[in-house]
Amino acid sequence: MAVCVGLAAWDQRQPGDGPLGLAVWIGRRCWPYPPAIAHDPTNLLGRSVFVDPPTREDRLWAIDQTLRSPAVATVVADGRGLTMAASRRLQLACEAGGAMGLLSRPLHERGELSAATTRWLVRPEPVHEPESCEPAWTIELLRRKGLRPMVEGARRWTVRVEDATRLVCLDAQAADRPAAAAREAAAQIEPVARRWG
């Protein structure tokens, strides 16, 4: 969920486009811990709306309507149990409204079909040094429309939050790859490599 928080903190609007857009969290399973986002420099907590629809159909409707709103920059939603047709509906809503839609799905739904532009697998990394409390995650790009498959591990990165700067940093392995692969890694991870408090 921390990766979704980092993406939600990153507003897609260009400077001068007006106030930052809302971040809407739909479904209790994807709500962030409010104190964890309280000190974000983009005022993520202040521009967050938390929605808890009672049924899957209500959740789908709420996601669809929110993605279509011009006031919304990011929608982070519980995507459990959504069908391919539902994901296509949400893809069209994203295109209509311009918001970034992030669906959080459980691991056992990894093989379900989806109309999503990209699919990612996010896993927490174990802490190797007991004195370090810097959280880290492995982020793996499973699928992106129009992108050819690559060798195992070619689209897998480790990101961590540095205690001192609170920046999300890409691991050094990305820099060790050939230049073209490193550029692609940076382009894929760029929305995550943003500041959050």
Protein backbone atom coordinates (compact mmCIF):
# COMPACT_ATOMS: atom_id res chain seq x y z
CA MET A 1 0.00 0.00 0.00
CA ALA A 2 2.94 2.35 0.62
CA VAL A 3 3.74 2.35 -3.10
CA CYS A 4 0.14 3.41 -3.85
CA VAL A 5 0.54 6.20 -1.29
CA GLY A 6 3.65 7.41 -3.12
CA LEU A 7 1.83 7.38 -6.43
CA ALA A 8 -1.21 9.14 -4.97
CA ALA A 9 1.04 11.88 -3.57
CA TRP A 10 2.32 12.52 -7.08
CA ASP A 11 -0.24 14.75 -8.75
CA GLN A 12 -0.28 14.56 -12.55
CA ARG A 13 -1.19 18.18 -13.14
CA GLN A 14 1.39 20.55 -14.57
CA PRO A 15 2.44 23.64 -12.60
CA GLY A 16 -0.05 26.42 -13.22
CA ASP A 17 -2.97 24.05 -13.92
CA GLY A 18 -4.68 25.07 -10.70
CA PRO A 19 -4.92 23.38 -7.29
CA LEU A 20 -3.76 19.83 -6.78
CA GLY A 21 -6.36 17.19 -7.56
CA LEU A 22 -8.10 14.97 -5.06
CA ALA A 23 -6.86 11.51 -4.13
CA VAL A 24 -9.83 9.20 -3.63
CA TRP A 25 -9.43 5.90 -1.74
CA ILE A 26 -12.28 3.47 -2.48
CA GLY A 27 -12.71 0.39 -0.28
CA ARG A 28 -11.38 0.02 3.28
CA ARG A 29 -8.81 -2.59 2.20
CA CYS A 30 -6.83 0.06 0.33
CA TRP A 31 -7.13 2.96 2.77
CA PRO A 32 -3.75 4.24 4.00
CA TYR A 33 -3.06 4.86 7.66
CA PRO A 34 -3.92 8.61 7.94
CA PRO A 35 -1.04 9.58 10.29
CA ALA A 36 1.38 8.03 7.77
CA ILE A 37 0.31 10.55 5.11
CA ALA A 38 -0.33 13.52 7.41
CA HIS A 39 3.05 15.17 6.74
CA ASP A 40 3.18 14.73 2.97
CA PRO A 41 4.43 17.97 1.33
CA THR A 42 1.58 17.83 -1.21
CA ASN A 43 -1.02 17.75 1.62
CA LEU A 44 -2.14 14.28 0.59
CA LEU A 45 -4.28 13.80 3.70
CA GLY A 46 -5.98 17.16 3.20
CA ARG A 47 -6.90 16.34 -0.39
CA SER A 48 -7.89 12.71 0.29
CA VAL A 49 -11.44 11.38 0.25
CA PHE A 50 -12.19 7.96 1.77
CA VAL A 51 -15.14 5.99 0.38
CA ASP A 52 -16.41 2.63 1.68
CA PRO A 53 -19.05 1.15 -0.67
CA PRO A 54 -21.00 -1.75 0.88
CA THR A 55 -21.08 -4.05 -2.19
CA ARG A 56 -18.88 -4.91 -5.18
CA GLU A 57 -21.38 -3.26 -7.54
CA ASP A 58 -21.38 -0.08 -5.47
CA ARG A 59 -17.58 -0.14 -5.39
CA LEU A 60 -17.41 -0.45 -9.19
CA TRP A 61 -19.90 2.42 -9.60
CA ALA A 62 -17.93 4.62 -7.16
CA ILE A 63 -14.63 3.92 -8.93
CA ASP A 64 -16.18 4.64 -12.33
CA GLN A 65 -17.77 7.93 -11.27
CA THR A 66 -14.69 9.13 -9.42
CA LEU A 67 -12.35 8.41 -12.34
CA ARG A 68 -14.57 10.56 -14.56
CA SER A 69 -14.41 13.59 -12.26
CA PRO A 70 -12.13 16.45 -13.41
CA ALA A 71 -11.44 17.31 -9.74
CA VAL A 72 -9.74 13.96 -9.11
CA ALA A 73 -6.06 13.31 -9.82
CA THR A 74 -5.76 9.76 -8.46
CA VAL A 75 -8.11 6.94 -7.51
CA VAL A 76 -6.74 4.10 -5.42
CA ALA A 77 -9.33 1.35 -5.20
CA ASP A 78 -9.91 -2.14 -3.92
CA GLY A 79 -10.05 -4.12 -7.17
CA ARG A 80 -10.96 -7.50 -5.63
CA GLY A 81 -13.33 -9.54 -7.74
CA LEU A 82 -13.57 -7.14 -10.67
CA THR A 83 -14.10 -8.83 -14.03
CA MET A 84 -12.40 -8.11 -17.35
CA ALA A 85 -15.51 -6.19 -18.45
CA ALA A 86 -15.41 -4.11 -15.26
CA SER A 87 -11.72 -3.29 -15.78
CA ARG A 88 -12.48 -2.21 -19.36
CA ARG A 89 -15.23 0.07 -18.05
CA LEU A 90 -12.73 1.61 -15.62
CA GLN A 91 -10.12 2.01 -18.35
CA LEU A 92 -12.65 4.03 -20.39
CA ALA A 93 -13.49 6.10 -17.28
CA CYS A 94 -9.77 6.91 -16.82
CA GLU A 95 -9.56 8.06 -20.42
CA ALA A 96 -12.70 10.19 -20.05
CA GLY A 97 -11.68 11.91 -16.83
CA GLY A 98 -7.89 11.96 -16.97
CA ALA A 99 -7.35 10.60 -13.45
CA MET A 100 -4.78 7.93 -12.68
CA GLY A 101 -6.53 4.75 -11.52
CA LEU A 102 -4.72 2.24 -9.29
CA LEU A 103 -6.50 -1.01 -8.49
CA SER A 104 -5.15 -3.05 -5.62
CA ARG A 105 -5.81 -6.76 -6.06
CA PRO A 106 -4.88 -9.75 -3.88
CA LEU A 107 -2.10 -12.07 -5.02
CA HIS A 108 -4.51 -14.95 -5.74
CA GLU A 109 -6.13 -12.79 -8.50
CA ARG A 110 -2.80 -12.29 -10.28
CA GLY A 111 -3.89 -14.47 -13.22
CA GLU A 112 -7.24 -12.73 -13.75
CA LEU A 113 -7.64 -10.91 -17.05
CA SER A 114 -7.64 -7.12 -16.93
CA ALA A 115 -7.79 -4.19 -19.33
CA ALA A 116 -5.21 -2.31 -17.24
CA THR A 117 -2.43 -0.60 -19.17
CA THR A 118 0.15 -2.00 -16.75
CA ARG A 119 0.14 -4.72 -14.09
CA TRP A 120 2.60 -4.68 -11.22
CA LEU A 121 3.49 -7.08 -8.44
CA VAL A 122 4.58 -5.28 -5.25
CA ARG A 123 6.16 -7.25 -2.40
CA PRO A 124 7.80 -6.02 0.80
CA GLU A 125 11.50 -6.69 1.11
CA PRO A 126 12.90 -8.20 4.32
CA VAL A 127 15.04 -5.91 6.45
CA HIS A 128 18.62 -7.26 6.36
CA GLU A 129 20.14 -4.83 8.85
CA PRO A 130 18.37 -4.76 12.25
CA GLU A 131 19.36 -1.12 12.89
CA SER A 132 17.79 -0.01 9.60
CA CYS A 133 14.09 0.69 9.57
CA GLU A 134 13.96 1.92 5.98
CA PRO A 135 11.03 0.16 4.30
CA ALA A 136 11.73 -1.41 0.90
CA TRP A 137 9.69 -3.17 -1.77
CA THR A 138 10.33 -5.22 -4.86
CA ILE A 139 8.27 -3.86 -7.74
CA GLU A 140 7.90 -6.08 -10.78
CA LEU A 141 6.27 -5.06 -14.04
CA LEU A 142 4.21 -8.09 -15.05
CA ARG A 143 2.59 -6.66 -18.15
CA ARG A 144 2.42 -3.46 -20.17
CA LYS A 145 0.43 -3.09 -23.36
CA GLY A 146 2.68 -2.84 -26.39
CA LEU A 147 5.82 -4.01 -24.58
CA ARG A 148 7.56 -7.23 -25.59
CA PRO A 149 8.38 -9.79 -22.90
CA MET A 150 11.92 -9.61 -21.51
CA VAL A 151 14.20 -11.98 -19.66
CA GLU A 152 13.38 -12.85 -16.04
CA GLY A 153 14.17 -9.99 -13.67
CA ALA A 154 14.65 -7.41 -16.42
CA ARG A 155 11.61 -5.48 -15.20
CA ARG A 156 12.05 -5.87 -11.46
CA TRP A 157 13.31 -3.12 -9.18
CA THR A 158 13.78 -2.59 -5.49
CA VAL A 159 12.71 0.75 -4.07
CA ARG A 160 13.15 2.00 -0.54
CA VAL A 161 12.35 5.06 1.53
CA GLU A 162 15.46 6.82 2.83
CA ASP A 163 15.03 7.92 6.44
CA ALA A 164 16.98 11.16 6.03
CA THR A 165 15.35 12.51 2.87
CA ARG A 166 12.04 10.56 2.83
CA LEU A 167 12.67 10.01 -0.89
CA VAL A 168 11.74 6.75 -2.59
CA CYS A 169 14.95 5.55 -4.24
CA LEU A 170 15.57 3.05 -7.00
CA ASP A 171 18.11 0.35 -6.23
CA ALA A 172 21.65 0.47 -7.64
CA GLN A 173 21.05 -2.62 -9.80
CA ALA A 174 19.12 -0.52 -12.32
CA ALA A 175 22.24 1.58 -12.94
CA ASP A 176 24.30 -1.56 -13.61
CA ARG A 177 22.17 -2.59 -16.58
CA PRO A 178 22.91 -1.52 -20.15
CA ALA A 179 22.00 2.11 -20.85
CA ALA A 180 18.78 1.33 -22.74
CA ALA A 181 17.52 -0.96 -19.97
CA ALA A 182 18.45 1.59 -17.29
CA ARG A 183 16.52 4.32 -19.14
CA GLU A 184 13.53 2.01 -19.43
CA ALA A 185 13.75 1.17 -15.72
CA ALA A 186 13.80 4.85 -14.82
CA ALA A 187 10.82 5.56 -17.10
CA GLN A 188 8.82 2.69 -15.60
CA ILE A 189 9.50 3.64 -12.00
CA GLU A 190 9.36 7.42 -12.41
CA PRO A 191 5.93 7.94 -10.81
CA VAL A 192 7.10 6.04 -7.72
CA ALA A 193 10.33 8.01 -7.40
CA ARG A 194 8.60 11.00 -5.88
CA ARG A 195 8.85 12.64 -2.51
CA TRP A 196 6.40 11.84 0.24
CA GLY A 197 6.46 12.76 3.91
